[in-house]
Structures are given as structure tokens and as C-alpha cells.
Amino acid sequence: MAHTSSNAATGALSAISRLLTQPITFGARPSSRKASRTSVGHKQMRRDLYTLLERHPASRQTMRHLDVIERTLRHIDIDAVEALPIKILVKGLAEFEALVWDWSPVGLATLRSRLAVAVKRRQHEASEVELSQGERHDSNAPRIDAEVNEVSHELYEEMERSWSGQMPAELLEAQRAMAGTPASKPKQAD
């Protein structure tokens, strides 16, 4: 019994020791001070972007991704903007950078920085997800991009015959001309 009371006394002393060694703060707690600093930055970003888009009224219709970012920032907050789909963030950032020439307003510069960091982080996360899902790419392998051209239906049929082992008539004639044999007309179905 004496042993348990000494453990309780030691526990109480350590709790009092922790209480006495904590820094004394008056007013707001440190975490709420951080939140107020963030909200001031959020207000500045929201105000500067709204002012920019109001100076250019047509920008809301032509720059739809930036408009989505601005409305999300205005109605919710910067965290909701960063949670938007990556395609909206990428296109919105490109529209934002195309529209702004003067980055001296603190809210615009801060928003640009936050968007760029969010895009970079999300693209990095997306590439990690692709790699973890088995879509591993060899970085040393050459990248092959398909080239697509439109052709007439007749040309397609001729090429299809060449793939199936039947040479197009023009190519056959050219090949015979090079070999020096007279070109014969292909037989037509009766």
C-alpha cells in the first residue's frame, strides 16, 4: 500500500512539474494566433484575386478554371482550393500567370506560390500513385508518340490491302517499272 501511494505522489509531482515548466501565455493560444495569421493571408489572397478579376470582366468567362479557384477561395478557403482536382489547378495556375503582369500585390504573389506548390506536390503524389499501381515506366526507354493523319477511304483500303499481302496497284506498277517489266492491268471482277 505504501508503494502505491509513493507512485501516486511521484505521478502528481511530475504533473505539477510539467505544469510549472510550460511557458505562460496571455490572451490567445499559439494555435489560434497561427489560424488568425492564415486567415489574414487568406483574406488578402481572396481580395486581390477578386479585384484582379473585377478589373477584367471578361476573364471570368474566358478563364473558367481561374474563376473556379476564385469562387472556391471566396466561399470556402485556400485549403479547399488546394483540394480541387489537379487539372483545374494546373489550368487555373496557367490562366492566372497569363493574366497577371504585376506580382507586387502580396495576396496575388502568395496565391501564386500556394497554387504552384499544390500543383507540384499533387503531380508528385499522382506519379507515385501511378508507380505503385504497376504502371512503372523505364526512364531510359525512348518515348514513342503516335502520329495521326487523316486520309481518304480509298487510300486506307489500298494500305489495308498492302497489310494483308495485296500490294496497291500504284505501288505494284512502280515496282514493275523499276524492274523493267511491262505493267499489266489488274484483272477486274466480272
N, C-alpha and C. Protein backbone atom coordinates (compact mmCIF):
# COMPACT_ATOMS: atom_id res chain seq x y z
N MET A 1 0.83 -1.18 0.00
CA MET A 1 0.00 0.00 0.00
C MET A 1 0.87 1.24 0.00
N ALA A 2 1.96 1.21 0.75
CA ALA A 2 2.87 2.35 0.82
C ALA A 2 3.53 2.56 -0.53
N HIS A 3 3.76 1.49 -1.26
CA HIS A 3 4.39 1.56 -2.56
C HIS A 3 3.48 2.27 -3.58
N THR A 4 2.18 1.98 -3.56
CA THR A 4 1.26 2.62 -4.50
C THR A 4 1.07 4.09 -4.16
N SER A 5 1.09 4.47 -2.91
CA SER A 5 0.94 5.88 -2.56
C SER A 5 2.18 6.67 -2.97
N SER A 6 3.36 6.03 -2.96
CA SER A 6 4.56 6.74 -3.42
C SER A 6 4.53 6.92 -4.94
N ASN A 7 3.98 5.94 -5.69
CA ASN A 7 3.82 6.09 -7.14
C ASN A 7 2.83 7.20 -7.47
N ALA A 8 1.76 7.29 -6.69
CA ALA A 8 0.77 8.34 -6.91
C ALA A 8 1.38 9.71 -6.62
N ALA A 9 2.18 9.78 -5.56
CA ALA A 9 2.82 11.05 -5.21
C ALA A 9 3.83 11.44 -6.30
N THR A 10 4.56 10.47 -6.83
CA THR A 10 5.53 10.75 -7.88
C THR A 10 4.81 11.22 -9.14
N GLY A 11 3.69 10.59 -9.47
CA GLY A 11 2.91 10.98 -10.63
C GLY A 11 2.36 12.39 -10.47
N ALA A 12 1.90 12.72 -9.27
CA ALA A 12 1.36 14.05 -9.02
C ALA A 12 2.47 15.09 -9.11
N LEU A 13 3.64 14.77 -8.59
CA LEU A 13 4.77 15.69 -8.65
C LEU A 13 5.22 15.92 -10.09
N SER A 14 5.22 14.87 -10.89
CA SER A 14 5.63 15.06 -12.29
C SER A 14 4.60 15.89 -13.05
N ALA A 15 3.32 15.73 -12.73
CA ALA A 15 2.29 16.54 -13.37
C ALA A 15 2.44 18.01 -12.98
N ILE A 16 2.71 18.26 -11.71
CA ILE A 16 2.92 19.64 -11.26
C ILE A 16 4.18 20.21 -11.89
N SER A 17 5.22 19.39 -12.02
CA SER A 17 6.47 19.84 -12.65
C SER A 17 6.23 20.23 -14.11
N ARG A 18 5.47 19.42 -14.85
CA ARG A 18 5.14 19.75 -16.24
C ARG A 18 4.34 21.04 -16.33
N LEU A 19 3.40 21.22 -15.40
CA LEU A 19 2.58 22.42 -15.40
C LEU A 19 3.43 23.66 -15.14
N LEU A 20 4.37 23.55 -14.24
CA LEU A 20 5.20 24.70 -13.91
C LEU A 20 6.26 25.00 -14.96
N THR A 21 6.63 24.02 -15.76
CA THR A 21 7.65 24.28 -16.79
C THR A 21 7.06 24.74 -18.12
N GLN A 22 5.72 24.75 -18.28
CA GLN A 22 5.11 25.24 -19.51
C GLN A 22 5.22 26.76 -19.56
N PRO A 23 5.43 27.32 -20.76
CA PRO A 23 5.50 28.77 -20.87
C PRO A 23 4.13 29.40 -20.59
N ILE A 24 4.16 30.56 -19.98
CA ILE A 24 2.92 31.27 -19.66
C ILE A 24 2.55 32.15 -20.84
N THR A 25 1.33 32.00 -21.34
CA THR A 25 0.85 32.82 -22.44
C THR A 25 -0.42 33.53 -22.00
N PHE A 26 -0.52 34.78 -22.37
CA PHE A 26 -1.71 35.56 -22.06
C PHE A 26 -2.49 35.77 -23.35
N GLY A 27 -3.80 35.77 -23.26
CA GLY A 27 -4.60 36.03 -24.45
C GLY A 27 -4.80 34.76 -25.24
N ALA A 28 -4.65 34.89 -26.56
CA ALA A 28 -4.92 33.78 -27.47
C ALA A 28 -3.85 32.71 -27.35
N ARG A 29 -4.26 31.51 -27.58
CA ARG A 29 -3.31 30.39 -27.59
C ARG A 29 -2.49 30.45 -28.87
N PRO A 30 -1.28 29.85 -28.88
CA PRO A 30 -0.44 29.90 -30.08
C PRO A 30 -1.11 29.34 -31.32
N SER A 31 -1.91 28.27 -31.19
CA SER A 31 -2.54 27.69 -32.37
C SER A 31 -3.58 28.64 -32.95
N SER A 32 -4.31 29.38 -32.11
CA SER A 32 -5.30 30.32 -32.64
C SER A 32 -4.62 31.54 -33.25
N ARG A 33 -3.45 31.91 -32.76
CA ARG A 33 -2.70 33.01 -33.39
C ARG A 33 -2.27 32.61 -34.80
N LYS A 34 -1.87 31.36 -34.98
CA LYS A 34 -1.48 30.88 -36.30
C LYS A 34 -2.67 30.89 -37.24
N ALA A 35 -3.83 30.48 -36.74
CA ALA A 35 -5.04 30.48 -37.57
C ALA A 35 -5.40 31.90 -37.99
N SER A 36 -5.24 32.88 -37.09
CA SER A 36 -5.57 34.25 -37.47
C SER A 36 -4.60 34.78 -38.52
N ARG A 37 -3.33 34.40 -38.43
CA ARG A 37 -2.36 34.80 -39.45
C ARG A 37 -2.73 34.20 -40.81
N THR A 38 -3.17 32.94 -40.80
CA THR A 38 -3.57 32.28 -42.03
C THR A 38 -4.81 32.95 -42.61
N SER A 39 -5.76 33.32 -41.75
CA SER A 39 -6.98 33.94 -42.25
C SER A 39 -6.70 35.32 -42.82
N VAL A 40 -5.73 36.05 -42.24
CA VAL A 40 -5.36 37.35 -42.82
C VAL A 40 -4.77 37.14 -44.20
N GLY A 41 -3.90 36.15 -44.37
CA GLY A 41 -3.34 35.83 -45.68
C GLY A 41 -4.42 35.39 -46.64
N HIS A 42 -5.37 34.61 -46.13
CA HIS A 42 -6.49 34.15 -46.95
C HIS A 42 -7.33 35.33 -47.41
N LYS A 43 -7.60 36.26 -46.52
CA LYS A 43 -8.39 37.44 -46.87
C LYS A 43 -7.68 38.28 -47.93
N GLN A 44 -6.37 38.41 -47.80
CA GLN A 44 -5.58 39.19 -48.76
C GLN A 44 -5.60 38.53 -50.13
N MET A 45 -5.41 37.20 -50.16
CA MET A 45 -5.44 36.48 -51.44
C MET A 45 -6.81 36.62 -52.09
N ARG A 46 -7.85 36.42 -51.30
CA ARG A 46 -9.22 36.49 -51.81
C ARG A 46 -9.52 37.88 -52.36
N ARG A 47 -9.14 38.92 -51.61
CA ARG A 47 -9.41 40.30 -52.02
C ARG A 47 -8.63 40.67 -53.28
N ASP A 48 -7.34 40.30 -53.34
CA ASP A 48 -6.52 40.65 -54.51
C ASP A 48 -6.97 39.93 -55.77
N LEU A 49 -7.34 38.66 -55.66
CA LEU A 49 -7.80 37.92 -56.83
C LEU A 49 -9.16 38.44 -57.29
N TYR A 50 -10.04 38.74 -56.34
CA TYR A 50 -11.35 39.28 -56.71
C TYR A 50 -11.19 40.62 -57.42
N THR A 51 -10.32 41.48 -56.91
CA THR A 51 -10.07 42.78 -57.53
C THR A 51 -9.51 42.61 -58.94
N LEU A 52 -8.59 41.68 -59.11
CA LEU A 52 -7.99 41.43 -60.41
C LEU A 52 -9.06 40.99 -61.42
N LEU A 53 -9.90 40.05 -61.03
CA LEU A 53 -10.92 39.56 -61.95
C LEU A 53 -12.00 40.61 -62.22
N GLU A 54 -12.26 41.48 -61.27
CA GLU A 54 -13.23 42.54 -61.49
C GLU A 54 -12.68 43.61 -62.45
N ARG A 55 -11.36 43.81 -62.45
CA ARG A 55 -10.74 44.74 -63.40
C ARG A 55 -10.84 44.24 -64.83
N HIS A 56 -10.91 42.93 -65.00
CA HIS A 56 -11.01 42.30 -66.31
C HIS A 56 -12.30 41.49 -66.34
N PRO A 57 -13.44 42.13 -66.62
CA PRO A 57 -14.74 41.44 -66.51
C PRO A 57 -14.87 40.20 -67.40
N ALA A 58 -14.30 40.22 -68.58
CA ALA A 58 -14.43 39.07 -69.49
C ALA A 58 -13.61 37.88 -69.02
N SER A 59 -12.69 38.09 -68.10
CA SER A 59 -11.82 37.00 -67.66
C SER A 59 -12.59 35.89 -66.97
N ARG A 60 -13.71 36.19 -66.36
CA ARG A 60 -14.49 35.15 -65.69
C ARG A 60 -15.08 34.15 -66.70
N GLN A 61 -15.41 34.63 -67.90
CA GLN A 61 -15.94 33.72 -68.91
C GLN A 61 -14.84 33.01 -69.68
N THR A 62 -13.73 33.70 -69.93
CA THR A 62 -12.67 33.10 -70.73
C THR A 62 -11.71 32.25 -69.90
N MET A 63 -11.57 32.57 -68.65
CA MET A 63 -10.65 31.84 -67.77
C MET A 63 -11.46 31.10 -66.71
N ARG A 64 -12.13 30.07 -67.14
CA ARG A 64 -13.07 29.35 -66.28
C ARG A 64 -12.39 28.67 -65.09
N HIS A 65 -11.20 28.14 -65.29
CA HIS A 65 -10.51 27.44 -64.21
C HIS A 65 -10.10 28.43 -63.12
N LEU A 66 -9.62 29.60 -63.53
CA LEU A 66 -9.27 30.62 -62.56
C LEU A 66 -10.52 31.11 -61.83
N ASP A 67 -11.64 31.18 -62.53
CA ASP A 67 -12.89 31.58 -61.90
C ASP A 67 -13.31 30.57 -60.84
N VAL A 68 -13.14 29.28 -61.11
CA VAL A 68 -13.46 28.25 -60.12
C VAL A 68 -12.57 28.42 -58.89
N ILE A 69 -11.29 28.69 -59.12
CA ILE A 69 -10.36 28.90 -58.00
C ILE A 69 -10.80 30.12 -57.19
N GLU A 70 -11.15 31.20 -57.86
CA GLU A 70 -11.55 32.43 -57.15
C GLU A 70 -12.83 32.20 -56.35
N ARG A 71 -13.83 31.55 -56.94
CA ARG A 71 -15.09 31.30 -56.22
C ARG A 71 -14.87 30.38 -55.03
N THR A 72 -14.02 29.36 -55.19
CA THR A 72 -13.72 28.46 -54.08
C THR A 72 -13.01 29.21 -52.97
N LEU A 73 -12.07 30.05 -53.34
CA LEU A 73 -11.34 30.86 -52.36
C LEU A 73 -12.29 31.83 -51.66
N ARG A 74 -13.21 32.41 -52.40
CA ARG A 74 -14.13 33.40 -51.83
C ARG A 74 -15.14 32.74 -50.89
N HIS A 75 -15.67 31.57 -51.27
CA HIS A 75 -16.73 30.95 -50.48
C HIS A 75 -16.22 29.99 -49.40
N ILE A 76 -15.04 29.41 -49.60
CA ILE A 76 -14.55 28.45 -48.61
C ILE A 76 -13.21 28.95 -48.05
N ASP A 77 -12.09 28.41 -48.55
CA ASP A 77 -10.77 28.86 -48.12
C ASP A 77 -9.69 28.29 -49.02
N ILE A 78 -8.44 28.60 -48.72
CA ILE A 78 -7.31 28.18 -49.56
C ILE A 78 -7.12 26.66 -49.50
N ASP A 79 -7.45 26.03 -48.39
CA ASP A 79 -7.32 24.58 -48.30
C ASP A 79 -8.28 23.89 -49.28
N ALA A 80 -9.46 24.45 -49.44
CA ALA A 80 -10.42 23.89 -50.41
C ALA A 80 -9.92 24.10 -51.83
N VAL A 81 -9.24 25.21 -52.08
CA VAL A 81 -8.66 25.46 -53.41
C VAL A 81 -7.61 24.40 -53.70
N GLU A 82 -6.75 24.14 -52.73
CA GLU A 82 -5.68 23.15 -52.92
C GLU A 82 -6.23 21.74 -53.08
N ALA A 83 -7.47 21.50 -52.64
CA ALA A 83 -8.08 20.18 -52.76
C ALA A 83 -8.83 20.00 -54.08
N LEU A 84 -8.90 21.04 -54.91
CA LEU A 84 -9.56 20.93 -56.21
C LEU A 84 -8.83 19.91 -57.07
N PRO A 85 -9.48 19.35 -58.09
CA PRO A 85 -8.79 18.41 -58.98
C PRO A 85 -7.54 19.03 -59.61
N ILE A 86 -6.54 18.22 -59.81
CA ILE A 86 -5.24 18.69 -60.29
C ILE A 86 -5.36 19.37 -61.65
N LYS A 87 -6.25 18.91 -62.52
CA LYS A 87 -6.41 19.53 -63.84
C LYS A 87 -6.89 20.97 -63.71
N ILE A 88 -7.79 21.22 -62.78
CA ILE A 88 -8.29 22.58 -62.56
C ILE A 88 -7.17 23.45 -62.01
N LEU A 89 -6.38 22.91 -61.09
CA LEU A 89 -5.28 23.69 -60.52
C LEU A 89 -4.24 24.04 -61.58
N VAL A 90 -3.87 23.08 -62.41
CA VAL A 90 -2.85 23.32 -63.44
C VAL A 90 -3.31 24.37 -64.43
N LYS A 91 -4.53 24.20 -64.95
CA LYS A 91 -5.05 25.15 -65.93
C LYS A 91 -5.33 26.50 -65.29
N GLY A 92 -5.82 26.50 -64.06
CA GLY A 92 -6.08 27.76 -63.36
C GLY A 92 -4.80 28.53 -63.09
N LEU A 93 -3.74 27.82 -62.72
CA LEU A 93 -2.45 28.48 -62.49
C LEU A 93 -1.92 29.07 -63.79
N ALA A 94 -2.05 28.35 -64.89
CA ALA A 94 -1.59 28.88 -66.18
C ALA A 94 -2.40 30.12 -66.57
N GLU A 95 -3.71 30.10 -66.36
CA GLU A 95 -4.53 31.27 -66.66
C GLU A 95 -4.17 32.44 -65.76
N PHE A 96 -3.91 32.14 -64.50
CA PHE A 96 -3.53 33.17 -63.52
C PHE A 96 -2.22 33.84 -63.93
N GLU A 97 -1.24 33.04 -64.29
CA GLU A 97 0.05 33.59 -64.70
C GLU A 97 -0.05 34.37 -66.01
N ALA A 98 -0.96 33.98 -66.89
CA ALA A 98 -1.14 34.71 -68.15
C ALA A 98 -1.82 36.06 -67.92
N LEU A 99 -2.66 36.13 -66.90
CA LEU A 99 -3.42 37.35 -66.64
C LEU A 99 -2.64 38.39 -65.85
N VAL A 100 -1.80 37.96 -64.94
CA VAL A 100 -1.11 38.88 -64.04
C VAL A 100 0.25 39.26 -64.61
N TRP A 101 0.49 40.58 -64.65
CA TRP A 101 1.80 41.08 -65.07
C TRP A 101 2.56 41.63 -63.88
N ASP A 102 1.85 42.16 -62.91
CA ASP A 102 2.46 42.78 -61.74
C ASP A 102 2.20 41.91 -60.52
N TRP A 103 3.24 41.28 -60.01
CA TRP A 103 3.10 40.38 -58.87
C TRP A 103 3.38 41.09 -57.55
N SER A 104 3.38 42.42 -57.53
CA SER A 104 3.67 43.13 -56.30
C SER A 104 2.56 43.03 -55.25
N PRO A 105 1.27 42.88 -55.60
CA PRO A 105 0.28 42.66 -54.54
C PRO A 105 0.59 41.35 -53.80
N VAL A 106 0.69 41.46 -52.49
CA VAL A 106 1.11 40.32 -51.67
C VAL A 106 0.14 39.15 -51.81
N GLY A 107 -1.15 39.43 -51.88
CA GLY A 107 -2.13 38.35 -51.99
C GLY A 107 -1.98 37.56 -53.28
N LEU A 108 -1.72 38.25 -54.39
CA LEU A 108 -1.53 37.55 -55.67
C LEU A 108 -0.27 36.71 -55.66
N ALA A 109 0.82 37.28 -55.13
CA ALA A 109 2.08 36.53 -55.08
C ALA A 109 1.96 35.31 -54.17
N THR A 110 1.29 35.48 -53.05
CA THR A 110 1.10 34.37 -52.12
C THR A 110 0.23 33.29 -52.74
N LEU A 111 -0.84 33.69 -53.41
CA LEU A 111 -1.73 32.72 -54.05
C LEU A 111 -0.99 31.96 -55.15
N ARG A 112 -0.22 32.67 -55.94
CA ARG A 112 0.55 32.01 -57.00
C ARG A 112 1.50 30.98 -56.40
N SER A 113 2.16 31.35 -55.33
CA SER A 113 3.09 30.44 -54.67
C SER A 113 2.35 29.21 -54.13
N ARG A 114 1.22 29.42 -53.47
CA ARG A 114 0.47 28.30 -52.91
C ARG A 114 -0.04 27.37 -54.01
N LEU A 115 -0.52 27.96 -55.12
CA LEU A 115 -1.01 27.14 -56.23
C LEU A 115 0.13 26.33 -56.85
N ALA A 116 1.28 26.99 -57.05
CA ALA A 116 2.42 26.29 -57.66
C ALA A 116 2.89 25.14 -56.78
N VAL A 117 2.94 25.36 -55.49
CA VAL A 117 3.36 24.30 -54.56
C VAL A 117 2.34 23.17 -54.56
N ALA A 118 1.05 23.51 -54.55
CA ALA A 118 0.00 22.48 -54.56
C ALA A 118 0.07 21.65 -55.84
N VAL A 119 0.27 22.31 -56.98
CA VAL A 119 0.36 21.59 -58.26
C VAL A 119 1.57 20.66 -58.24
N LYS A 120 2.71 21.18 -57.81
CA LYS A 120 3.93 20.37 -57.78
C LYS A 120 3.76 19.15 -56.87
N ARG A 121 3.20 19.39 -55.68
CA ARG A 121 3.00 18.31 -54.71
C ARG A 121 2.01 17.28 -55.25
N ARG A 122 0.90 17.74 -55.81
CA ARG A 122 -0.13 16.82 -56.30
C ARG A 122 0.36 16.04 -57.51
N GLN A 123 1.15 16.66 -58.39
CA GLN A 123 1.68 15.93 -59.54
C GLN A 123 2.67 14.86 -59.07
N HIS A 124 3.45 15.20 -58.05
CA HIS A 124 4.40 14.23 -57.49
C HIS A 124 3.64 13.06 -56.86
N GLU A 125 2.58 13.37 -56.11
CA GLU A 125 1.77 12.32 -55.49
C GLU A 125 1.10 11.46 -56.55
N ALA A 126 0.61 12.09 -57.63
CA ALA A 126 -0.04 11.33 -58.70
C ALA A 126 0.94 10.39 -59.38
N SER A 127 2.17 10.85 -59.59
CA SER A 127 3.16 9.98 -60.23
C SER A 127 3.53 8.82 -59.31
N GLU A 128 3.57 9.07 -57.99
CA GLU A 128 3.85 7.98 -57.06
C GLU A 128 2.72 6.95 -57.07
N VAL A 129 1.47 7.42 -57.16
CA VAL A 129 0.33 6.52 -57.20
C VAL A 129 0.38 5.67 -58.46
N GLU A 130 0.71 6.30 -59.60
CA GLU A 130 0.82 5.54 -60.85
C GLU A 130 1.89 4.46 -60.74
N LEU A 131 3.01 4.80 -60.13
CA LEU A 131 4.08 3.81 -59.98
C LEU A 131 3.67 2.69 -59.05
N SER A 132 2.94 3.02 -57.99
CA SER A 132 2.53 1.98 -57.06
C SER A 132 1.43 1.09 -57.64
N GLN A 133 0.72 1.57 -58.64
CA GLN A 133 -0.34 0.77 -59.26
C GLN A 133 0.20 -0.11 -60.38
N GLY A 134 1.49 -0.19 -60.54
CA GLY A 134 2.06 -1.09 -61.52
C GLY A 134 2.32 -0.46 -62.86
N GLU A 135 2.11 0.82 -63.00
CA GLU A 135 2.39 1.49 -64.26
C GLU A 135 3.82 2.02 -64.24
N ARG A 136 4.73 1.13 -64.04
CA ARG A 136 6.13 1.55 -63.96
C ARG A 136 6.69 1.79 -65.35
N HIS A 137 7.37 2.91 -65.49
CA HIS A 137 7.96 3.27 -66.77
C HIS A 137 9.47 3.29 -66.63
N ASP A 138 10.14 2.79 -67.65
CA ASP A 138 11.59 2.85 -67.67
C ASP A 138 11.98 4.25 -68.13
N SER A 139 12.67 4.99 -67.26
CA SER A 139 13.02 6.37 -67.59
C SER A 139 14.02 6.46 -68.74
N ASN A 140 14.75 5.38 -69.00
CA ASN A 140 15.73 5.39 -70.08
C ASN A 140 15.12 4.95 -71.42
N ALA A 141 13.92 4.41 -71.38
CA ALA A 141 13.28 3.95 -72.61
C ALA A 141 12.82 5.15 -73.43
N PRO A 142 12.97 5.06 -74.74
CA PRO A 142 12.52 6.19 -75.57
C PRO A 142 11.00 6.29 -75.55
N ARG A 143 10.53 7.52 -75.55
CA ARG A 143 9.09 7.75 -75.56
C ARG A 143 8.64 7.81 -77.02
N ILE A 144 7.63 7.04 -77.33
CA ILE A 144 7.13 6.97 -78.70
C ILE A 144 5.75 7.62 -78.72
N ASP A 145 5.63 8.69 -79.47
CA ASP A 145 4.35 9.35 -79.62
C ASP A 145 3.75 8.95 -80.95
N ALA A 146 2.49 8.65 -80.94
CA ALA A 146 1.80 8.26 -82.17
C ALA A 146 1.56 9.48 -83.04
N GLU A 147 1.70 9.30 -84.33
CA GLU A 147 1.41 10.36 -85.28
C GLU A 147 0.14 9.97 -86.03
N VAL A 148 -0.84 10.83 -85.98
CA VAL A 148 -2.13 10.53 -86.58
C VAL A 148 -2.40 11.52 -87.70
N ASN A 149 -2.74 10.98 -88.87
CA ASN A 149 -3.11 11.80 -90.02
C ASN A 149 -4.42 11.28 -90.57
N GLU A 150 -5.20 12.18 -91.15
CA GLU A 150 -6.44 11.75 -91.79
C GLU A 150 -6.15 11.48 -93.26
N VAL A 151 -6.74 10.39 -93.77
CA VAL A 151 -6.57 10.02 -95.17
C VAL A 151 -7.93 9.67 -95.74
N SER A 152 -7.99 9.59 -97.06
CA SER A 152 -9.24 9.21 -97.71
C SER A 152 -9.51 7.73 -97.49
N HIS A 153 -10.75 7.37 -97.69
CA HIS A 153 -11.15 5.98 -97.53
C HIS A 153 -10.46 5.08 -98.55
N GLU A 154 -10.29 5.58 -99.77
CA GLU A 154 -9.64 4.80 -100.82
C GLU A 154 -8.19 4.49 -100.45
N LEU A 155 -7.49 5.51 -99.96
CA LEU A 155 -6.10 5.29 -99.57
C LEU A 155 -6.01 4.30 -98.42
N TYR A 156 -6.94 4.38 -97.49
CA TYR A 156 -6.96 3.43 -96.39
C TYR A 156 -7.16 2.01 -96.90
N GLU A 157 -8.09 1.82 -97.84
CA GLU A 157 -8.33 0.49 -98.38
C GLU A 157 -7.10 -0.05 -99.10
N GLU A 158 -6.41 0.83 -99.83
CA GLU A 158 -5.18 0.39 -100.51
C GLU A 158 -4.13 -0.04 -99.50
N MET A 159 -3.98 0.74 -98.45
CA MET A 159 -2.99 0.39 -97.42
C MET A 159 -3.41 -0.89 -96.71
N GLU A 160 -4.69 -1.08 -96.49
CA GLU A 160 -5.17 -2.29 -95.85
C GLU A 160 -4.85 -3.51 -96.70
N ARG A 161 -5.00 -3.38 -98.02
CA ARG A 161 -4.66 -4.50 -98.91
C ARG A 161 -3.16 -4.80 -98.82
N SER A 162 -2.34 -3.76 -98.68
CA SER A 162 -0.90 -4.00 -98.59
C SER A 162 -0.55 -4.69 -97.27
N TRP A 163 -1.32 -4.41 -96.22
CA TRP A 163 -1.06 -5.07 -94.94
C TRP A 163 -1.46 -6.54 -95.01
N SER A 164 -2.46 -6.82 -95.82
CA SER A 164 -2.93 -8.21 -95.90
C SER A 164 -2.19 -8.99 -96.99
N GLY A 165 -1.19 -8.39 -97.60
CA GLY A 165 -0.39 -9.08 -98.59
C GLY A 165 -0.72 -8.71 -100.01
N GLN A 166 -1.69 -7.87 -100.24
CA GLN A 166 -2.02 -7.42 -101.59
C GLN A 166 -1.46 -6.02 -101.75
N MET A 167 -0.61 -5.84 -102.73
CA MET A 167 0.03 -4.57 -102.95
C MET A 167 -0.89 -3.60 -103.68
N PRO A 168 -0.91 -2.32 -103.31
CA PRO A 168 -1.70 -1.34 -104.05
C PRO A 168 -1.24 -1.28 -105.51
N ALA A 169 -2.17 -1.00 -106.41
CA ALA A 169 -1.89 -1.02 -107.84
C ALA A 169 -0.77 -0.05 -108.21
N GLU A 170 -0.78 1.15 -107.63
CA GLU A 170 0.25 2.15 -107.97
C GLU A 170 1.64 1.67 -107.55
N LEU A 171 1.72 1.07 -106.39
CA LEU A 171 3.00 0.58 -105.91
C LEU A 171 3.47 -0.60 -106.75
N LEU A 172 2.55 -1.45 -107.14
CA LEU A 172 2.89 -2.60 -107.97
C LEU A 172 3.42 -2.14 -109.33
N GLU A 173 2.77 -1.13 -109.93
CA GLU A 173 3.23 -0.60 -111.21
C GLU A 173 4.60 0.05 -111.08
N ALA A 174 4.79 0.79 -110.02
CA ALA A 174 6.10 1.43 -109.81
C ALA A 174 7.19 0.38 -109.63
N GLN A 175 6.89 -0.67 -108.92
CA GLN A 175 7.87 -1.71 -108.70
C GLN A 175 8.21 -2.44 -110.01
N ARG A 176 7.21 -2.69 -110.84
CA ARG A 176 7.45 -3.35 -112.13
C ARG A 176 8.22 -2.43 -113.07
N ALA A 177 7.93 -1.12 -113.03
CA ALA A 177 8.64 -0.17 -113.88
C ALA A 177 10.13 -0.14 -113.52
N MET A 178 10.42 -0.24 -112.26
CA MET A 178 11.82 -0.24 -111.82
C MET A 178 12.51 -1.53 -112.24
N ALA A 179 11.76 -2.62 -112.28
CA ALA A 179 12.34 -3.91 -112.66
C ALA A 179 12.45 -4.04 -114.17
N GLY A 180 11.77 -3.17 -114.94
CA GLY A 180 11.86 -3.20 -116.39
C GLY A 180 10.84 -4.10 -117.05
N THR A 181 9.89 -4.61 -116.33
CA THR A 181 8.85 -5.44 -116.95
C THR A 181 7.64 -4.56 -117.24
N PRO A 182 6.94 -4.84 -118.33
CA PRO A 182 5.78 -4.02 -118.66
C PRO A 182 4.67 -4.19 -117.62
N ALA A 183 4.01 -3.09 -117.36
CA ALA A 183 2.91 -3.12 -116.39
C ALA A 183 1.68 -3.71 -117.02
N SER A 184 1.08 -4.62 -116.34
CA SER A 184 -0.16 -5.21 -116.85
C SER A 184 -1.30 -4.68 -116.01
N LYS A 185 -2.43 -4.56 -116.68
CA LYS A 185 -3.59 -4.07 -115.95
C LYS A 185 -4.11 -5.16 -115.06
N PRO A 186 -4.51 -4.76 -113.83
CA PRO A 186 -5.05 -5.79 -112.93
C PRO A 186 -6.40 -6.28 -113.46
N LYS A 187 -6.66 -7.55 -113.21
CA LYS A 187 -7.92 -8.16 -113.65
C LYS A 187 -9.06 -7.62 -112.82
N GLN A 188 -10.14 -7.34 -113.47
CA GLN A 188 -11.30 -6.85 -112.78
C GLN A 188 -12.31 -7.97 -112.66
N ALA A 189 -13.08 -7.94 -111.62
CA ALA A 189 -14.10 -8.98 -111.41
C ALA A 189 -15.24 -8.76 -112.38
N ASP A 190 -15.74 -9.85 -112.93
CA ASP A 190 -16.86 -9.77 -113.89
C ASP A 190 -18.16 -9.68 -113.20
